[in-house]
Amino acid sequence: MTTWETGPQLICSYSPYDALAGGCGPLAPGNAFYCAVDNTVSWDYEFLNGQYYMFGDFARVTIIAHEWGHRNQAALGLFGGNRTTFQNEQHADCQAGIFAAVAEARGFVDMGDPMEAFASLCSAAGLSGWFDPTSHGTCDERVAAFQHGYLSAREQLAQVCGPSPLTVMASICAN
């Protein structure tokens, strides 16, 4: 499976009751993540089902798009160096917004889907990432990053869907 000419080695769900481990260690309950060590996107299926029941179908899509955004960051060499966790999380939220704009252009987004995305992003919000190195950002910061990606991608849809999508995404979500 590929999106924007990128693809993790494996995309899979796991049970929070199984003591499984991947390349990045134990697969934690209530989580979704990208692991650069083995190039996988994984998620606790009960966690994603809970997102669906609390917020709607697009909440799950937003989480997977966010994690795929981390895959794209790895492909662009954006992990490590001087980048903070907060910058990478905001960048991934921005990429989830780009994904939503592309899905909308293809007719896959319903009227309430953006609100489902916002609710899901806010449910995992915390303190501003500039002060908490493990934070994804506040609700407002996460929604702003998603909206920036979404609105920018709507204006640059031909480029996002063109021959150099990762370069365009890196430019849109630069932080």
C-alpha atoms as a PDB file:
ATOM      1  CA  MET A   1       0.000   0.000   0.000  1.00  0.00           C
ATOM      2  CA  THR A   2       1.361   3.436  -0.885  1.00  0.00           C
ATOM      3  CA  THR A   3       0.193   6.986  -0.520  1.00  0.00           C
ATOM      4  CA  TRP A   4       2.190   9.815  -2.018  1.00  0.00           C
ATOM      5  CA  GLU A   5       4.762   7.319  -3.239  1.00  0.00           C
ATOM      6  CA  THR A   6       5.526   6.260   0.332  1.00  0.00           C
ATOM      7  CA  GLY A   7       4.581   3.207   2.243  1.00  0.00           C
ATOM      8  CA  PRO A   8       5.494   1.561   5.502  1.00  0.00           C
ATOM      9  CA  GLN A   9       6.827  -1.980   5.351  1.00  0.00           C
ATOM     10  CA  LEU A  10       3.768  -3.133   7.294  1.00  0.00           C
ATOM     11  CA  ILE A  11       0.490  -1.577   8.414  1.00  0.00           C
ATOM     12  CA  CYS A  12      -1.237  -3.525  11.159  1.00  0.00           C
ATOM     13  CA  SER A  13      -3.475  -3.502  14.166  1.00  0.00           C
ATOM     14  CA  TYR A  14      -2.812  -5.332  17.403  1.00  0.00           C
ATOM     15  CA  SER A  15      -4.735  -6.382  20.478  1.00  0.00           C
ATOM     16  CA  PRO A  16      -3.987  -4.473  23.663  1.00  0.00           C
ATOM     17  CA  TYR A  17      -4.195  -7.805  25.509  1.00  0.00           C
ATOM     18  CA  ASP A  18      -1.358  -9.460  23.610  1.00  0.00           C
ATOM     19  CA  ALA A  19       2.152  -8.902  24.892  1.00  0.00           C
ATOM     20  CA  LEU A  20       3.588  -8.105  21.478  1.00  0.00           C
ATOM     21  CA  ALA A  21       6.669  -6.151  20.571  1.00  0.00           C
ATOM     22  CA  GLY A  22       7.844  -4.564  17.364  1.00  0.00           C
ATOM     23  CA  GLY A  23      11.071  -2.965  16.257  1.00  0.00           C
ATOM     24  CA  CYS A  24      10.504  -0.045  18.627  1.00  0.00           C
ATOM     25  CA  GLY A  25       9.599  -2.149  21.659  1.00  0.00           C
ATOM     26  CA  PRO A  26       6.312  -3.185  23.300  1.00  0.00           C
ATOM     27  CA  LEU A  27       3.102  -2.350  21.430  1.00  0.00           C
ATOM     28  CA  ALA A  28       1.382  -0.142  23.997  1.00  0.00           C
ATOM     29  CA  PRO A  29      -2.366  -0.242  24.624  1.00  0.00           C
ATOM     30  CA  GLY A  30      -4.345   2.845  23.649  1.00  0.00           C
ATOM     31  CA  ASN A  31      -1.866   3.980  21.043  1.00  0.00           C
ATOM     32  CA  ALA A  32      -0.991   4.236  17.372  1.00  0.00           C
ATOM     33  CA  PHE A  33       2.525   4.882  16.142  1.00  0.00           C
ATOM     34  CA  TYR A  34       5.092   4.797  13.384  1.00  0.00           C
ATOM     35  CA  CYS A  35       8.276   2.837  14.063  1.00  0.00           C
ATOM     36  CA  ALA A  36      11.257   3.946  11.989  1.00  0.00           C
ATOM     37  CA  VAL A  37      13.320   0.913  13.048  1.00  0.00           C
ATOM     38  CA  ASP A  38      11.161  -1.544  11.093  1.00  0.00           C
ATOM     39  CA  ASN A  39       9.180   0.982   9.000  1.00  0.00           C
ATOM     40  CA  THR A  40       5.748   0.018  10.357  1.00  0.00           C
ATOM     41  CA  VAL A  41       2.528   1.786  11.273  1.00  0.00           C
ATOM     42  CA  SER A  42       0.692  -0.017  14.069  1.00  0.00           C
ATOM     43  CA  TRP A  43      -2.337   0.690  16.221  1.00  0.00           C
ATOM     44  CA  ASP A  44      -4.305  -0.824  19.061  1.00  0.00           C
ATOM     45  CA  TYR A  45      -7.547  -1.795  17.342  1.00  0.00           C
ATOM     46  CA  GLU A  46      -9.582  -1.180  20.515  1.00  0.00           C
ATOM     47  CA  PHE A  47      -8.135   2.338  20.668  1.00  0.00           C
ATOM     48  CA  LEU A  48      -9.142   3.055  17.055  1.00  0.00           C
ATOM     49  CA  ASN A  49     -12.565   1.487  17.594  1.00  0.00           C
ATOM     50  CA  GLY A  50     -12.993   3.727  20.639  1.00  0.00           C
ATOM     51  CA  GLN A  51     -12.113   6.757  18.500  1.00  0.00           C
ATOM     52  CA  TYR A  52     -14.781   5.672  16.007  1.00  0.00           C
ATOM     53  CA  TYR A  53     -17.465   5.278  18.678  1.00  0.00           C
ATOM     54  CA  MET A  54     -16.563   8.545  20.424  1.00  0.00           C
ATOM     55  CA  PHE A  55     -15.932  10.790  17.427  1.00  0.00           C
ATOM     56  CA  GLY A  56     -16.796   9.056  14.128  1.00  0.00           C
ATOM     57  CA  ASP A  57     -15.127   7.255  11.259  1.00  0.00           C
ATOM     58  CA  PHE A  58     -12.832  10.097  10.236  1.00  0.00           C
ATOM     59  CA  ALA A  59     -11.194  10.128  13.674  1.00  0.00           C
ATOM     60  CA  ARG A  60      -9.564   6.803  12.839  1.00  0.00           C
ATOM     61  CA  VAL A  61      -8.525   8.051   9.404  1.00  0.00           C
ATOM     62  CA  THR A  62      -6.919  11.113  10.977  1.00  0.00           C
ATOM     63  CA  ILE A  63      -4.867   9.009  13.390  1.00  0.00           C
ATOM     64  CA  ILE A  64      -3.556   6.721  10.638  1.00  0.00           C
ATOM     65  CA  ALA A  65      -2.830   9.738   8.391  1.00  0.00           C
ATOM     66  CA  HIS A  66      -0.918  11.344  11.283  1.00  0.00           C
ATOM     67  CA  GLU A  67       1.186   8.201  11.753  1.00  0.00           C
ATOM     68  CA  TRP A  68       1.760   7.948   7.997  1.00  0.00           C
ATOM     69  CA  GLY A  69       2.959  11.544   8.258  1.00  0.00           C
ATOM     70  CA  HIS A  70       5.700  10.315  10.577  1.00  0.00           C
ATOM     71  CA  ARG A  71       6.634   7.778   7.879  1.00  0.00           C
ATOM     72  CA  ASN A  72       6.917  10.640   5.408  1.00  0.00           C
ATOM     73  CA  GLN A  73       9.090  12.558   7.868  1.00  0.00           C
ATOM     74  CA  ALA A  74      11.431   9.584   8.041  1.00  0.00           C
ATOM     75  CA  ALA A  75      11.571   9.448   4.236  1.00  0.00           C
ATOM     76  CA  LEU A  76      12.462  13.152   4.190  1.00  0.00           C
ATOM     77  CA  GLY A  77      15.121  12.807   6.880  1.00  0.00           C
ATOM     78  CA  LEU A  78      13.229  14.995   9.348  1.00  0.00           C
ATOM     79  CA  PHE A  79      13.711  12.792  12.408  1.00  0.00           C
ATOM     80  CA  GLY A  80      16.558  13.602  14.744  1.00  0.00           C
ATOM     81  CA  GLY A  81      18.889  16.533  14.528  1.00  0.00           C
ATOM     82  CA  ASN A  82      17.600  19.744  16.033  1.00  0.00           C
ATOM     83  CA  ARG A  83      13.898  18.964  15.550  1.00  0.00           C
ATOM     84  CA  THR A  84      11.777  18.598  18.667  1.00  0.00           C
ATOM     85  CA  THR A  85       9.067  16.023  19.255  1.00  0.00           C
ATOM     86  CA  PHE A  86       6.585  18.889  19.172  1.00  0.00           C
ATOM     87  CA  GLN A  87       7.738  19.962  15.691  1.00  0.00           C
ATOM     88  CA  ASN A  88       7.400  16.401  14.393  1.00  0.00           C
ATOM     89  CA  GLU A  89       3.927  15.991  15.921  1.00  0.00           C
ATOM     90  CA  GLN A  90       2.722  19.293  14.472  1.00  0.00           C
ATOM     91  CA  HIS A  91       4.177  18.315  11.098  1.00  0.00           C
ATOM     92  CA  ALA A  92       2.306  14.979  11.245  1.00  0.00           C
ATOM     93  CA  ASP A  93      -0.962  16.773  12.121  1.00  0.00           C
ATOM     94  CA  CYS A  94      -0.374  19.064   9.143  1.00  0.00           C
ATOM     95  CA  GLN A  95       0.108  16.036   6.899  1.00  0.00           C
ATOM     96  CA  ALA A  96      -3.143  14.544   8.212  1.00  0.00           C
ATOM     97  CA  GLY A  97      -4.793  17.775   7.037  1.00  0.00           C
ATOM     98  CA  ILE A  98      -3.214  17.344   3.600  1.00  0.00           C
ATOM     99  CA  PHE A  99      -4.555  13.795   3.468  1.00  0.00           C
ATOM    100  CA  ALA A 100      -8.044  15.102   4.354  1.00  0.00           C
ATOM    101  CA  ALA A 101      -7.901  17.635   1.498  1.00  0.00           C
ATOM    102  CA  VAL A 102      -6.921  14.932  -0.992  1.00  0.00           C
ATOM    103  CA  ALA A 103      -9.640  12.598   0.341  1.00  0.00           C
ATOM    104  CA  GLU A 104     -12.166  15.423   0.027  1.00  0.00           C
ATOM    105  CA  ALA A 105     -11.132  16.123  -3.569  1.00  0.00           C
ATOM    106  CA  ARG A 106     -11.712  12.449  -4.334  1.00  0.00           C
ATOM    107  CA  GLY A 107     -15.189  12.531  -2.766  1.00  0.00           C
ATOM    108  CA  PHE A 108     -14.363  10.537   0.366  1.00  0.00           C
ATOM    109  CA  VAL A 109     -15.037  13.192   3.010  1.00  0.00           C
ATOM    110  CA  ASP A 110     -18.464  13.765   4.542  1.00  0.00           C
ATOM    111  CA  MET A 111     -19.617  17.105   5.922  1.00  0.00           C
ATOM    112  CA  GLY A 112     -18.960  16.181   9.571  1.00  0.00           C
ATOM    113  CA  ASP A 113     -15.556  14.562   9.000  1.00  0.00           C
ATOM    114  CA  PRO A 114     -13.430  17.638   9.805  1.00  0.00           C
ATOM    115  CA  MET A 115     -15.124  17.961  13.190  1.00  0.00           C
ATOM    116  CA  GLU A 116     -14.421  14.271  13.847  1.00  0.00           C
ATOM    117  CA  ALA A 117     -10.760  14.905  13.024  1.00  0.00           C
ATOM    118  CA  PHE A 118     -10.648  17.924  15.357  1.00  0.00           C
ATOM    119  CA  ALA A 119     -12.273  15.963  18.206  1.00  0.00           C
ATOM    120  CA  SER A 120      -9.784  13.139  17.817  1.00  0.00           C
ATOM    121  CA  LEU A 121      -6.797  15.501  17.694  1.00  0.00           C
ATOM    122  CA  CYS A 122      -8.019  17.350  20.775  1.00  0.00           C
ATOM    123  CA  SER A 123      -8.584  14.125  22.708  1.00  0.00           C
ATOM    124  CA  ALA A 124      -4.810  13.512  22.614  1.00  0.00           C
ATOM    125  CA  ALA A 125      -3.811  17.127  23.232  1.00  0.00           C
ATOM    126  CA  GLY A 126      -1.739  18.276  26.154  1.00  0.00           C
ATOM    127  CA  LEU A 127       0.414  21.160  27.170  1.00  0.00           C
ATOM    128  CA  SER A 128       2.149  23.147  24.495  1.00  0.00           C
ATOM    129  CA  GLY A 129       4.954  21.064  23.077  1.00  0.00           C
ATOM    130  CA  TRP A 130       7.476  23.811  23.512  1.00  0.00           C
ATOM    131  CA  PHE A 131       7.382  23.054  27.235  1.00  0.00           C
ATOM    132  CA  ASP A 132       6.617  19.313  27.219  1.00  0.00           C
ATOM    133  CA  PRO A 133       8.879  17.263  24.942  1.00  0.00           C
ATOM    134  CA  THR A 134       6.369  14.382  24.813  1.00  0.00           C
ATOM    135  CA  SER A 135       3.373  16.529  23.874  1.00  0.00           C
ATOM    136  CA  HIS A 136       1.583  16.627  20.559  1.00  0.00           C
ATOM    137  CA  GLY A 137       0.536  20.200  21.434  1.00  0.00           C
ATOM    138  CA  THR A 138      -2.605  21.793  22.760  1.00  0.00           C
ATOM    139  CA  CYS A 139      -5.987  21.276  21.148  1.00  0.00           C
ATOM    140  CA  ASP A 140      -5.694  24.646  19.401  1.00  0.00           C
ATOM    141  CA  GLU A 141      -2.146  23.910  18.173  1.00  0.00           C
ATOM    142  CA  ARG A 142      -3.132  20.504  16.801  1.00  0.00           C
ATOM    143  CA  VAL A 143      -6.251  21.792  15.045  1.00  0.00           C
ATOM    144  CA  ALA A 144      -4.300  24.744  13.609  1.00  0.00           C
ATOM    145  CA  ALA A 145      -1.642  22.408  12.174  1.00  0.00           C
ATOM    146  CA  PHE A 146      -4.320  20.161  10.635  1.00  0.00           C
ATOM    147  CA  GLN A 147      -6.190  23.158   9.191  1.00  0.00           C
ATOM    148  CA  HIS A 148      -2.987  24.612   7.762  1.00  0.00           C
ATOM    149  CA  GLY A 149      -2.269  21.360   5.919  1.00  0.00           C
ATOM    150  CA  TYR A 150      -5.867  21.028   4.778  1.00  0.00           C
ATOM    151  CA  LEU A 151      -6.301  24.593   3.495  1.00  0.00           C
ATOM    152  CA  SER A 152      -2.858  24.731   1.885  1.00  0.00           C
ATOM    153  CA  ALA A 153      -3.374  21.397   0.140  1.00  0.00           C
ATOM    154  CA  ARG A 154      -6.740  22.554  -1.242  1.00  0.00           C
ATOM    155  CA  GLU A 155      -4.916  25.482  -2.858  1.00  0.00           C
ATOM    156  CA  GLN A 156      -2.043  23.295  -4.109  1.00  0.00           C
ATOM    157  CA  LEU A 157      -3.887  20.080  -4.927  1.00  0.00           C
ATOM    158  CA  ALA A 158      -2.204  19.601  -8.310  1.00  0.00           C
ATOM    159  CA  GLN A 159       1.223  19.843  -6.677  1.00  0.00           C
ATOM    160  CA  VAL A 160       0.289  17.586  -3.728  1.00  0.00           C
ATOM    161  CA  CYS A 161      -0.911  14.955  -6.189  1.00  0.00           C
ATOM    162  CA  GLY A 162       1.933  15.631  -8.635  1.00  0.00           C
ATOM    163  CA  PRO A 163       5.319  14.031  -9.226  1.00  0.00           C
ATOM    164  CA  SER A 164       7.020  15.277  -6.003  1.00  0.00           C
ATOM    165  CA  PRO A 165       4.411  14.960  -3.252  1.00  0.00           C
ATOM    166  CA  LEU A 166       6.849  14.605  -0.365  1.00  0.00           C
ATOM    167  CA  THR A 167       8.654  17.796  -1.337  1.00  0.00           C
ATOM    168  CA  VAL A 168       5.355  19.670  -1.511  1.00  0.00           C
ATOM    169  CA  MET A 169       4.259  18.257   1.856  1.00  0.00           C
ATOM    170  CA  ALA A 170       7.563  19.244   3.409  1.00  0.00           C
ATOM    171  CA  SER A 171       7.073  22.768   2.092  1.00  0.00           C
ATOM    172  CA  ILE A 172       3.455  23.064   3.265  1.00  0.00           C
ATOM    173  CA  CYS A 173       4.167  21.662   6.721  1.00  0.00           C
ATOM    174  CA  ALA A 174       7.544  23.341   7.262  1.00  0.00           C
ATOM    175  CA  ASN A 175       8.092  24.184  10.907  1.00  0.00           C
END
